[in-house]
């Protein structure tokens, strides 16, 4: 039973390929559903792992890998289809690469950085950005316009804030609740 969250994360990783195949075939409604299901499965595997203390070393790597792979797949598809400018793609991929490299370095030292509200907020904005971009390109939702680009811009800013937040925590440590700011 303790491997259920890992299985869910592995399925989410496979969903990246499904998303890409659907996107290449311009099946944007199906892409939206796949991305949303991936988001829900991320919530589910995290909930199950924490609630039941089913946290594993594999899960600590597989879960964020699946999240990052899905986001990078979506933004790469958006870029190649002309939906997203190159600088946004580079900022997102660059930030995720820094996080993966930093996470792997810390993982080799048996340190795992857990997402807190800052990272979850940024991830939530990225999910909203991707879903809005997919909606915008469905018939009947054209009125959304370029809102998804604004959301991606906000997401990028929040993601960099989260990255620096996590870096600060690793360098200076977490403050105790009674510590003053």
N, C-alpha and C. Protein backbone atom coordinates (compact mmCIF):
# COMPACT_ATOMS: atom_id res chain seq x y z
N UNK A 1 0.82 -1.21 0.00
CA UNK A 1 0.00 0.00 0.00
C UNK A 1 0.87 1.27 0.00
N UNK A 2 2.02 1.21 0.66
CA UNK A 2 2.83 2.41 0.80
C UNK A 2 3.41 2.90 -0.53
N UNK A 3 3.30 2.09 -1.57
CA UNK A 3 3.83 2.49 -2.88
C UNK A 3 2.77 3.10 -3.79
N UNK A 4 1.55 3.20 -3.31
CA UNK A 4 0.47 3.78 -4.12
C UNK A 4 0.83 5.20 -4.59
N UNK A 5 1.34 6.07 -3.71
CA UNK A 5 1.71 7.42 -4.21
C UNK A 5 2.77 7.36 -5.31
N UNK A 6 3.72 6.43 -5.20
CA UNK A 6 4.75 6.30 -6.23
C UNK A 6 4.15 5.82 -7.55
N UNK A 7 3.20 4.92 -7.47
CA UNK A 7 2.52 4.44 -8.68
C UNK A 7 1.77 5.60 -9.34
N UNK A 8 1.10 6.39 -8.52
CA UNK A 8 0.37 7.55 -9.06
C UNK A 8 1.34 8.52 -9.71
N UNK A 9 2.50 8.76 -9.08
CA UNK A 9 3.50 9.66 -9.67
C UNK A 9 4.04 9.08 -10.98
N UNK A 10 4.25 7.77 -11.02
CA UNK A 10 4.73 7.13 -12.25
C UNK A 10 3.70 7.26 -13.37
N UNK A 11 2.45 7.10 -13.03
CA UNK A 11 1.38 7.29 -14.03
C UNK A 11 1.38 8.72 -14.51
N UNK A 12 1.59 9.67 -13.60
CA UNK A 12 1.64 11.08 -13.98
C UNK A 12 2.82 11.33 -14.93
N UNK A 13 3.92 10.66 -14.70
CA UNK A 13 5.07 10.78 -15.60
C UNK A 13 4.72 10.25 -17.00
N UNK A 14 3.97 9.16 -17.05
CA UNK A 14 3.53 8.62 -18.34
C UNK A 14 2.54 9.57 -19.03
N UNK A 15 1.79 10.30 -18.23
CA UNK A 15 0.83 11.25 -18.77
C UNK A 15 1.51 12.37 -19.55
N UNK A 16 2.79 12.60 -19.28
CA UNK A 16 3.54 13.61 -20.03
C UNK A 16 3.56 13.23 -21.51
N UNK A 17 3.87 11.96 -21.78
CA UNK A 17 3.88 11.49 -23.17
C UNK A 17 2.51 11.57 -23.81
N UNK A 18 1.48 11.25 -23.04
CA UNK A 18 0.11 11.34 -23.55
C UNK A 18 -0.22 12.79 -23.91
N UNK A 19 0.15 13.72 -23.01
CA UNK A 19 -0.08 15.14 -23.25
C UNK A 19 0.58 15.58 -24.56
N UNK A 20 1.85 15.21 -24.72
CA UNK A 20 2.60 15.62 -25.92
C UNK A 20 1.96 15.06 -27.18
N UNK A 21 1.60 13.77 -27.16
CA UNK A 21 0.95 13.15 -28.34
C UNK A 21 -0.36 13.84 -28.68
N UNK A 22 -1.15 14.12 -27.68
CA UNK A 22 -2.42 14.80 -27.92
C UNK A 22 -2.20 16.21 -28.45
N UNK A 23 -1.22 16.90 -27.90
CA UNK A 23 -0.94 18.26 -28.32
C UNK A 23 -0.47 18.30 -29.77
N UNK A 24 0.41 17.39 -30.12
CA UNK A 24 0.91 17.33 -31.50
C UNK A 24 -0.24 17.14 -32.48
N UNK A 25 -1.26 16.43 -32.06
CA UNK A 25 -2.42 16.18 -32.90
C UNK A 25 -3.53 17.22 -32.70
N UNK A 26 -3.18 18.35 -32.07
CA UNK A 26 -4.10 19.47 -31.85
C UNK A 26 -5.38 19.06 -31.12
N UNK A 27 -5.26 18.13 -30.21
CA UNK A 27 -6.39 17.68 -29.39
C UNK A 27 -6.34 18.45 -28.07
N UNK A 28 -6.58 19.75 -28.14
CA UNK A 28 -6.37 20.64 -27.01
C UNK A 28 -7.32 20.38 -25.85
N UNK A 29 -8.55 20.02 -26.13
CA UNK A 29 -9.49 19.70 -25.04
C UNK A 29 -9.00 18.48 -24.27
N UNK A 30 -8.52 17.48 -24.99
CA UNK A 30 -7.98 16.28 -24.34
C UNK A 30 -6.72 16.63 -23.55
N UNK A 31 -5.89 17.53 -24.09
CA UNK A 31 -4.68 17.97 -23.37
C UNK A 31 -5.06 18.64 -22.06
N UNK A 32 -6.07 19.48 -22.11
CA UNK A 32 -6.54 20.18 -20.92
C UNK A 32 -6.97 19.16 -19.87
N UNK A 33 -7.69 18.14 -20.27
CA UNK A 33 -8.15 17.10 -19.34
C UNK A 33 -6.97 16.34 -18.77
N UNK A 34 -6.02 15.96 -19.61
CA UNK A 34 -4.84 15.22 -19.14
C UNK A 34 -4.06 16.06 -18.14
N UNK A 35 -3.85 17.34 -18.45
CA UNK A 35 -3.09 18.20 -17.54
C UNK A 35 -3.83 18.36 -16.22
N UNK A 36 -5.14 18.54 -16.28
CA UNK A 36 -5.93 18.70 -15.06
C UNK A 36 -5.91 17.40 -14.24
N UNK A 37 -6.01 16.26 -14.90
CA UNK A 37 -5.94 14.98 -14.18
C UNK A 37 -4.56 14.78 -13.54
N UNK A 38 -3.52 15.23 -14.24
CA UNK A 38 -2.17 15.15 -13.67
C UNK A 38 -2.09 16.02 -12.41
N UNK A 39 -2.68 17.20 -12.48
CA UNK A 39 -2.72 18.09 -11.31
C UNK A 39 -3.45 17.42 -10.14
N UNK A 40 -4.61 16.84 -10.43
CA UNK A 40 -5.37 16.16 -9.37
C UNK A 40 -4.61 14.96 -8.81
N UNK A 41 -3.94 14.23 -9.67
CA UNK A 41 -3.18 13.07 -9.20
C UNK A 41 -2.00 13.50 -8.33
N UNK A 42 -1.44 14.67 -8.62
CA UNK A 42 -0.36 15.21 -7.78
C UNK A 42 -0.90 15.51 -6.38
N UNK A 43 -2.07 16.12 -6.33
CA UNK A 43 -2.69 16.39 -5.03
C UNK A 43 -2.97 15.08 -4.28
N UNK A 44 -3.48 14.09 -5.01
CA UNK A 44 -3.83 12.82 -4.39
C UNK A 44 -2.61 12.08 -3.87
N UNK A 45 -1.55 11.97 -4.68
CA UNK A 45 -0.39 11.21 -4.19
C UNK A 45 0.27 11.92 -3.02
N UNK A 46 0.30 13.24 -3.03
CA UNK A 46 0.86 13.97 -1.89
C UNK A 46 0.04 13.78 -0.63
N UNK A 47 -1.26 13.85 -0.80
CA UNK A 47 -2.17 13.65 0.34
C UNK A 47 -1.99 12.25 0.93
N UNK A 48 -2.00 11.24 0.07
CA UNK A 48 -1.87 9.85 0.55
C UNK A 48 -0.52 9.62 1.24
N UNK A 49 0.53 10.15 0.63
CA UNK A 49 1.86 9.95 1.20
C UNK A 49 1.98 10.59 2.58
N UNK A 50 1.49 11.80 2.72
CA UNK A 50 1.59 12.48 4.02
C UNK A 50 0.61 11.90 5.04
N UNK A 51 -0.60 11.65 4.62
CA UNK A 51 -1.63 11.17 5.55
C UNK A 51 -1.28 9.81 6.14
N UNK A 52 -0.73 8.93 5.29
CA UNK A 52 -0.45 7.56 5.73
C UNK A 52 1.02 7.31 6.03
N UNK A 53 1.83 8.37 6.00
CA UNK A 53 3.26 8.25 6.21
C UNK A 53 3.89 7.25 5.23
N UNK A 54 3.47 7.34 3.96
CA UNK A 54 3.98 6.49 2.90
C UNK A 54 5.06 7.21 2.10
N UNK A 55 5.79 8.08 2.74
CA UNK A 55 6.83 8.85 2.07
C UNK A 55 8.04 7.94 1.86
N UNK A 56 8.51 7.87 0.61
CA UNK A 56 9.65 7.03 0.27
C UNK A 56 10.71 7.85 -0.45
N UNK A 57 11.91 7.33 -0.49
CA UNK A 57 12.99 8.00 -1.22
C UNK A 57 12.65 8.11 -2.70
N UNK A 58 12.07 7.07 -3.26
CA UNK A 58 11.68 7.10 -4.66
C UNK A 58 10.64 8.19 -4.89
N UNK A 59 9.66 8.28 -4.01
CA UNK A 59 8.62 9.29 -4.13
C UNK A 59 9.15 10.70 -4.03
N UNK A 60 10.18 10.90 -3.21
CA UNK A 60 10.77 12.22 -3.05
C UNK A 60 11.41 12.72 -4.35
N UNK A 61 11.79 11.78 -5.20
CA UNK A 61 12.38 12.14 -6.49
C UNK A 61 11.33 12.10 -7.60
N UNK A 62 10.51 11.04 -7.60
CA UNK A 62 9.55 10.81 -8.68
C UNK A 62 8.46 11.88 -8.74
N UNK A 63 7.95 12.29 -7.60
CA UNK A 63 6.85 13.27 -7.58
C UNK A 63 7.25 14.61 -8.20
N UNK A 64 8.34 15.24 -7.73
CA UNK A 64 8.70 16.52 -8.36
C UNK A 64 9.17 16.35 -9.80
N UNK A 65 9.77 15.20 -10.12
CA UNK A 65 10.19 14.95 -11.50
C UNK A 65 8.97 14.93 -12.43
N UNK A 66 7.92 14.25 -12.01
CA UNK A 66 6.70 14.20 -12.82
C UNK A 66 6.09 15.59 -12.97
N UNK A 67 6.09 16.38 -11.91
CA UNK A 67 5.55 17.75 -11.97
C UNK A 67 6.34 18.60 -12.95
N UNK A 68 7.66 18.55 -12.83
CA UNK A 68 8.51 19.38 -13.67
C UNK A 68 8.44 18.92 -15.13
N UNK A 69 8.40 17.62 -15.36
CA UNK A 69 8.31 17.10 -16.73
C UNK A 69 7.01 17.54 -17.40
N UNK A 70 5.91 17.50 -16.67
CA UNK A 70 4.63 17.90 -17.25
C UNK A 70 4.63 19.39 -17.58
N UNK A 71 5.14 20.21 -16.67
CA UNK A 71 5.18 21.65 -16.92
C UNK A 71 6.08 21.96 -18.12
N UNK A 72 7.27 21.36 -18.15
CA UNK A 72 8.21 21.63 -19.24
C UNK A 72 7.63 21.14 -20.57
N UNK A 73 6.97 19.99 -20.56
CA UNK A 73 6.35 19.50 -21.79
C UNK A 73 5.31 20.50 -22.30
N UNK A 74 4.49 21.00 -21.39
CA UNK A 74 3.43 21.94 -21.79
C UNK A 74 4.03 23.23 -22.34
N UNK A 75 4.98 23.81 -21.64
CA UNK A 75 5.52 25.10 -22.11
C UNK A 75 6.34 24.92 -23.39
N UNK A 76 6.99 23.79 -23.55
CA UNK A 76 7.72 23.54 -24.79
C UNK A 76 6.73 23.41 -25.95
N UNK A 77 5.65 22.69 -25.74
CA UNK A 77 4.61 22.58 -26.78
C UNK A 77 4.06 23.96 -27.11
N UNK A 78 3.79 24.75 -26.10
CA UNK A 78 3.25 26.09 -26.32
C UNK A 78 4.23 26.95 -27.12
N UNK A 79 5.50 26.85 -26.79
CA UNK A 79 6.50 27.63 -27.53
C UNK A 79 6.54 27.20 -29.00
N UNK A 80 6.63 25.90 -29.23
CA UNK A 80 6.75 25.42 -30.61
C UNK A 80 5.49 25.69 -31.44
N UNK A 81 4.39 25.95 -30.77
CA UNK A 81 3.15 26.28 -31.48
C UNK A 81 2.93 27.80 -31.56
N UNK A 82 3.89 28.58 -31.03
CA UNK A 82 3.79 30.02 -31.10
C UNK A 82 2.92 30.65 -30.03
N UNK A 83 2.56 29.89 -29.01
CA UNK A 83 1.71 30.42 -27.94
C UNK A 83 2.51 31.13 -26.85
N UNK A 84 3.79 30.83 -26.75
CA UNK A 84 4.60 31.33 -25.65
C UNK A 84 5.91 31.87 -26.22
N UNK A 85 6.36 33.03 -25.77
CA UNK A 85 7.63 33.57 -26.27
C UNK A 85 8.82 32.78 -25.73
N UNK A 86 9.91 32.84 -26.48
CA UNK A 86 11.12 32.09 -26.13
C UNK A 86 11.63 32.45 -24.74
N UNK A 87 11.62 33.73 -24.38
CA UNK A 87 12.17 34.11 -23.08
C UNK A 87 11.41 33.46 -21.93
N UNK A 88 10.09 33.28 -22.08
CA UNK A 88 9.32 32.61 -21.02
C UNK A 88 9.71 31.14 -20.93
N UNK A 89 9.83 30.50 -22.09
CA UNK A 89 10.26 29.10 -22.11
C UNK A 89 11.62 28.95 -21.43
N UNK A 90 12.56 29.81 -21.79
CA UNK A 90 13.92 29.73 -21.22
C UNK A 90 13.92 29.99 -19.72
N UNK A 91 13.15 30.96 -19.27
CA UNK A 91 13.08 31.24 -17.83
C UNK A 91 12.50 30.05 -17.07
N UNK A 92 11.44 29.46 -17.60
CA UNK A 92 10.80 28.33 -16.92
C UNK A 92 11.72 27.12 -16.92
N UNK A 93 12.27 26.76 -18.08
CA UNK A 93 13.14 25.59 -18.16
C UNK A 93 14.41 25.82 -17.35
N UNK A 94 14.97 27.02 -17.42
CA UNK A 94 16.18 27.33 -16.64
C UNK A 94 15.95 27.22 -15.15
N UNK A 95 14.84 27.77 -14.69
CA UNK A 95 14.52 27.71 -13.26
C UNK A 95 14.32 26.26 -12.83
N UNK A 96 13.60 25.49 -13.63
CA UNK A 96 13.36 24.08 -13.28
C UNK A 96 14.67 23.29 -13.29
N UNK A 97 15.56 23.59 -14.23
CA UNK A 97 16.86 22.92 -14.28
C UNK A 97 17.67 23.22 -13.02
N UNK A 98 17.67 24.47 -12.60
CA UNK A 98 18.38 24.84 -11.36
C UNK A 98 17.79 24.08 -10.17
N UNK A 99 16.46 23.99 -10.13
CA UNK A 99 15.81 23.27 -9.02
C UNK A 99 16.14 21.78 -9.04
N UNK A 100 16.17 21.18 -10.22
CA UNK A 100 16.50 19.74 -10.33
C UNK A 100 17.94 19.51 -9.91
N UNK A 101 18.85 20.31 -10.41
CA UNK A 101 20.27 20.15 -10.06
C UNK A 101 20.47 20.38 -8.57
N UNK A 102 19.87 21.44 -8.03
CA UNK A 102 19.98 21.70 -6.59
C UNK A 102 19.36 20.58 -5.78
N UNK A 103 18.20 20.10 -6.22
CA UNK A 103 17.53 19.00 -5.51
C UNK A 103 18.36 17.74 -5.52
N UNK A 104 19.00 17.43 -6.66
CA UNK A 104 19.84 16.23 -6.74
C UNK A 104 21.07 16.36 -5.86
N UNK A 105 21.67 17.55 -5.85
CA UNK A 105 22.84 17.76 -4.98
C UNK A 105 22.47 17.59 -3.51
N UNK A 106 21.35 18.15 -3.13
CA UNK A 106 20.90 18.01 -1.74
C UNK A 106 20.49 16.57 -1.44
N UNK A 107 19.88 15.90 -2.42
CA UNK A 107 19.44 14.52 -2.23
C UNK A 107 20.63 13.60 -1.99
N UNK A 108 21.77 13.87 -2.67
CA UNK A 108 22.97 13.05 -2.45
C UNK A 108 23.49 13.22 -1.02
N UNK A 109 23.13 14.34 -0.40
CA UNK A 109 23.51 14.58 0.99
C UNK A 109 22.38 14.20 1.94
N UNK A 110 21.40 13.47 1.38
CA UNK A 110 20.24 13.00 2.13
C UNK A 110 19.41 14.14 2.71
N UNK A 111 19.38 15.24 1.97
CA UNK A 111 18.55 16.39 2.33
C UNK A 111 17.46 16.51 1.27
N UNK A 112 16.23 16.57 1.70
CA UNK A 112 15.11 16.74 0.78
C UNK A 112 14.42 18.05 1.13
N UNK A 113 14.22 18.87 0.11
CA UNK A 113 13.54 20.14 0.30
C UNK A 113 12.06 19.91 0.01
N UNK A 114 11.25 20.07 1.02
CA UNK A 114 9.81 19.90 0.85
C UNK A 114 9.17 21.21 0.43
N UNK A 115 8.21 21.09 -0.45
CA UNK A 115 7.49 22.29 -0.89
C UNK A 115 6.67 22.84 0.27
N UNK A 116 6.71 24.15 0.42
CA UNK A 116 5.84 24.79 1.40
C UNK A 116 4.87 25.69 0.62
N UNK A 117 4.19 26.55 1.31
CA UNK A 117 3.13 27.32 0.67
C UNK A 117 3.64 28.20 -0.46
N UNK A 118 4.89 28.66 -0.38
CA UNK A 118 5.44 29.52 -1.43
C UNK A 118 5.54 28.74 -2.74
N UNK A 119 6.11 27.55 -2.67
CA UNK A 119 6.24 26.72 -3.86
C UNK A 119 4.90 26.22 -4.37
N UNK A 120 4.01 25.87 -3.46
CA UNK A 120 2.70 25.39 -3.87
C UNK A 120 1.89 26.50 -4.55
N UNK A 121 2.05 27.72 -4.07
CA UNK A 121 1.37 28.87 -4.67
C UNK A 121 1.87 29.07 -6.10
N UNK A 122 3.19 29.02 -6.28
CA UNK A 122 3.77 29.19 -7.62
C UNK A 122 3.32 28.05 -8.54
N UNK A 123 3.32 26.82 -8.03
CA UNK A 123 2.88 25.68 -8.83
C UNK A 123 1.41 25.81 -9.22
N UNK A 124 0.61 26.30 -8.29
CA UNK A 124 -0.80 26.51 -8.58
C UNK A 124 -1.00 27.54 -9.70
N UNK A 125 -0.18 28.59 -9.68
CA UNK A 125 -0.27 29.59 -10.74
C UNK A 125 0.15 29.00 -12.08
N UNK A 126 1.18 28.16 -12.08
CA UNK A 126 1.57 27.51 -13.33
C UNK A 126 0.45 26.62 -13.86
N UNK A 127 -0.21 25.90 -12.97
CA UNK A 127 -1.33 25.06 -13.40
C UNK A 127 -2.43 25.93 -14.01
N UNK A 128 -2.76 27.02 -13.34
CA UNK A 128 -3.77 27.94 -13.87
C UNK A 128 -3.34 28.51 -15.22
N UNK A 129 -2.06 28.80 -15.36
CA UNK A 129 -1.53 29.35 -16.62
C UNK A 129 -1.69 28.35 -17.76
N UNK A 130 -1.29 27.11 -17.51
CA UNK A 130 -1.37 26.08 -18.55
C UNK A 130 -2.83 25.82 -18.92
N UNK A 131 -3.68 25.67 -17.91
CA UNK A 131 -5.09 25.40 -18.18
C UNK A 131 -5.76 26.56 -18.92
N UNK A 132 -5.39 27.79 -18.56
CA UNK A 132 -5.95 28.97 -19.24
C UNK A 132 -5.47 29.02 -20.69
N UNK A 133 -4.20 28.69 -20.92
CA UNK A 133 -3.68 28.67 -22.29
C UNK A 133 -4.42 27.63 -23.12
N UNK A 134 -4.68 26.47 -22.54
CA UNK A 134 -5.40 25.42 -23.26
C UNK A 134 -6.84 25.88 -23.54
N UNK A 135 -7.48 26.45 -22.55
CA UNK A 135 -8.85 26.95 -22.74
C UNK A 135 -8.91 28.00 -23.84
N UNK A 136 -7.94 28.92 -23.80
CA UNK A 136 -7.91 30.03 -24.77
C UNK A 136 -7.92 29.52 -26.20
N UNK A 137 -7.36 28.37 -26.42
CA UNK A 137 -7.24 27.84 -27.78
C UNK A 137 -8.32 26.82 -28.11
N UNK A 138 -9.37 26.80 -27.31
CA UNK A 138 -10.54 25.97 -27.61
C UNK A 138 -11.63 26.86 -28.19
N UNK A 139 -12.42 26.32 -29.10
CA UNK A 139 -13.52 27.12 -29.67
C UNK A 139 -14.46 27.62 -28.57
N UNK A 140 -14.81 28.89 -28.66
CA UNK A 140 -15.72 29.50 -27.70
C UNK A 140 -15.02 30.18 -26.53
N UNK A 141 -13.71 30.00 -26.40
CA UNK A 141 -12.98 30.60 -25.28
C UNK A 141 -11.96 31.64 -25.75
N UNK A 142 -12.08 32.07 -26.98
CA UNK A 142 -11.13 33.04 -27.53
C UNK A 142 -11.12 34.34 -26.74
N UNK A 143 -12.23 34.64 -26.06
CA UNK A 143 -12.33 35.89 -25.32
C UNK A 143 -11.33 35.97 -24.17
N UNK A 144 -10.74 34.85 -23.82
CA UNK A 144 -9.70 34.85 -22.77
C UNK A 144 -8.51 35.68 -23.23
N UNK A 145 -8.30 35.71 -24.52
CA UNK A 145 -7.22 36.52 -25.08
C UNK A 145 -5.86 36.10 -24.57
N UNK A 146 -5.07 37.10 -24.24
CA UNK A 146 -3.69 36.85 -23.81
C UNK A 146 -3.56 36.73 -22.29
N UNK A 147 -4.65 36.51 -21.60
CA UNK A 147 -4.62 36.36 -20.15
C UNK A 147 -3.63 35.30 -19.71
N UNK A 148 -3.53 34.22 -20.46
CA UNK A 148 -2.62 33.15 -20.07
C UNK A 148 -1.17 33.63 -20.04
N UNK A 149 -0.81 34.59 -20.92
CA UNK A 149 0.56 35.12 -20.90
C UNK A 149 0.81 35.92 -19.63
N UNK A 150 -0.17 36.69 -19.20
CA UNK A 150 -0.06 37.41 -17.94
C UNK A 150 0.10 36.42 -16.78
N UNK A 151 -0.71 35.36 -16.80
CA UNK A 151 -0.61 34.35 -15.74
C UNK A 151 0.76 33.66 -15.75
N UNK A 152 1.29 33.38 -16.94
CA UNK A 152 2.63 32.80 -17.02
C UNK A 152 3.67 33.77 -16.45
N UNK A 153 3.52 35.04 -16.76
CA UNK A 153 4.46 36.03 -16.21
C UNK A 153 4.43 36.05 -14.69
N UNK A 154 3.24 36.05 -14.12
CA UNK A 154 3.10 36.01 -12.66
C UNK A 154 3.67 34.71 -12.11
N UNK A 155 3.41 33.61 -12.80
CA UNK A 155 3.92 32.30 -12.37
C UNK A 155 5.44 32.28 -12.34
N UNK A 156 6.05 32.85 -13.35
CA UNK A 156 7.51 32.88 -13.42
C UNK A 156 8.08 33.68 -12.25
N UNK A 157 7.50 34.84 -11.99
CA UNK A 157 7.96 35.66 -10.86
C UNK A 157 7.80 34.87 -9.55
N UNK A 158 6.64 34.25 -9.35
CA UNK A 158 6.41 33.47 -8.13
C UNK A 158 7.36 32.28 -8.03
N UNK A 159 7.66 31.65 -9.16
CA UNK A 159 8.57 30.50 -9.17
C UNK A 159 9.98 30.92 -8.75
N UNK A 160 10.43 32.07 -9.23
CA UNK A 160 11.76 32.55 -8.83
C UNK A 160 11.77 32.97 -7.37
N UNK A 161 10.69 33.56 -6.90
CA UNK A 161 10.59 33.88 -5.47
C UNK A 161 10.69 32.59 -4.66
N UNK A 162 9.97 31.56 -5.08
CA UNK A 162 10.00 30.27 -4.37
C UNK A 162 11.41 29.68 -4.40
N UNK A 163 12.07 29.74 -5.55
CA UNK A 163 13.41 29.18 -5.66
C UNK A 163 14.37 29.89 -4.69
N UNK A 164 14.33 31.21 -4.66
CA UNK A 164 15.20 31.94 -3.74
C UNK A 164 14.80 31.70 -2.29
N UNK A 165 13.52 31.53 -2.05
CA UNK A 165 13.03 31.20 -0.71
C UNK A 165 13.63 29.87 -0.24
N UNK A 166 13.57 28.84 -1.10
CA UNK A 166 14.12 27.53 -0.73
C UNK A 166 15.64 27.59 -0.57
N UNK A 167 16.30 28.36 -1.43
CA UNK A 167 17.76 28.51 -1.32
C UNK A 167 18.11 29.16 0.02
N UNK A 168 17.35 30.19 0.38
CA UNK A 168 17.60 30.87 1.66
C UNK A 168 17.41 29.91 2.82
N UNK A 169 16.38 29.08 2.74
CA UNK A 169 16.14 28.11 3.82
C UNK A 169 17.28 27.11 3.93
N UNK A 170 17.86 26.73 2.81
CA UNK A 170 18.97 25.77 2.86
C UNK A 170 20.24 26.41 3.41
N UNK A 171 20.44 27.68 3.09
CA UNK A 171 21.65 28.37 3.55
C UNK A 171 21.52 28.79 5.01
N UNK A 172 20.38 29.37 5.37
CA UNK A 172 20.22 29.93 6.71
C UNK A 172 19.38 29.06 7.64
N UNK A 173 18.76 28.04 7.10
CA UNK A 173 17.94 27.16 7.91
C UNK A 173 16.56 27.73 8.15
N UNK A 174 15.68 26.86 8.59
CA UNK A 174 14.31 27.28 8.89
C UNK A 174 14.27 27.96 10.25
N UNK A 175 13.54 29.04 10.33
CA UNK A 175 13.38 29.73 11.61
C UNK A 175 12.33 29.02 12.44
N UNK A 176 12.56 28.99 13.71
CA UNK A 176 11.55 28.43 14.60
C UNK A 176 10.40 29.41 14.72
N UNK A 177 9.25 28.92 15.08
CA UNK A 177 8.07 29.78 15.15
C UNK A 177 8.27 30.94 16.12
N UNK A 178 9.07 30.77 17.14
CA UNK A 178 9.27 31.82 18.13
C UNK A 178 10.37 32.81 17.73
N UNK A 179 11.12 32.48 16.66
CA UNK A 179 12.17 33.40 16.21
C UNK A 179 11.55 34.64 15.60
N UNK A 180 12.22 35.75 15.84
CA UNK A 180 11.71 36.98 15.22
C UNK A 180 12.21 37.04 13.79
N UNK A 181 11.48 37.78 12.96
CA UNK A 181 11.89 37.95 11.57
C UNK A 181 12.96 38.97 11.53
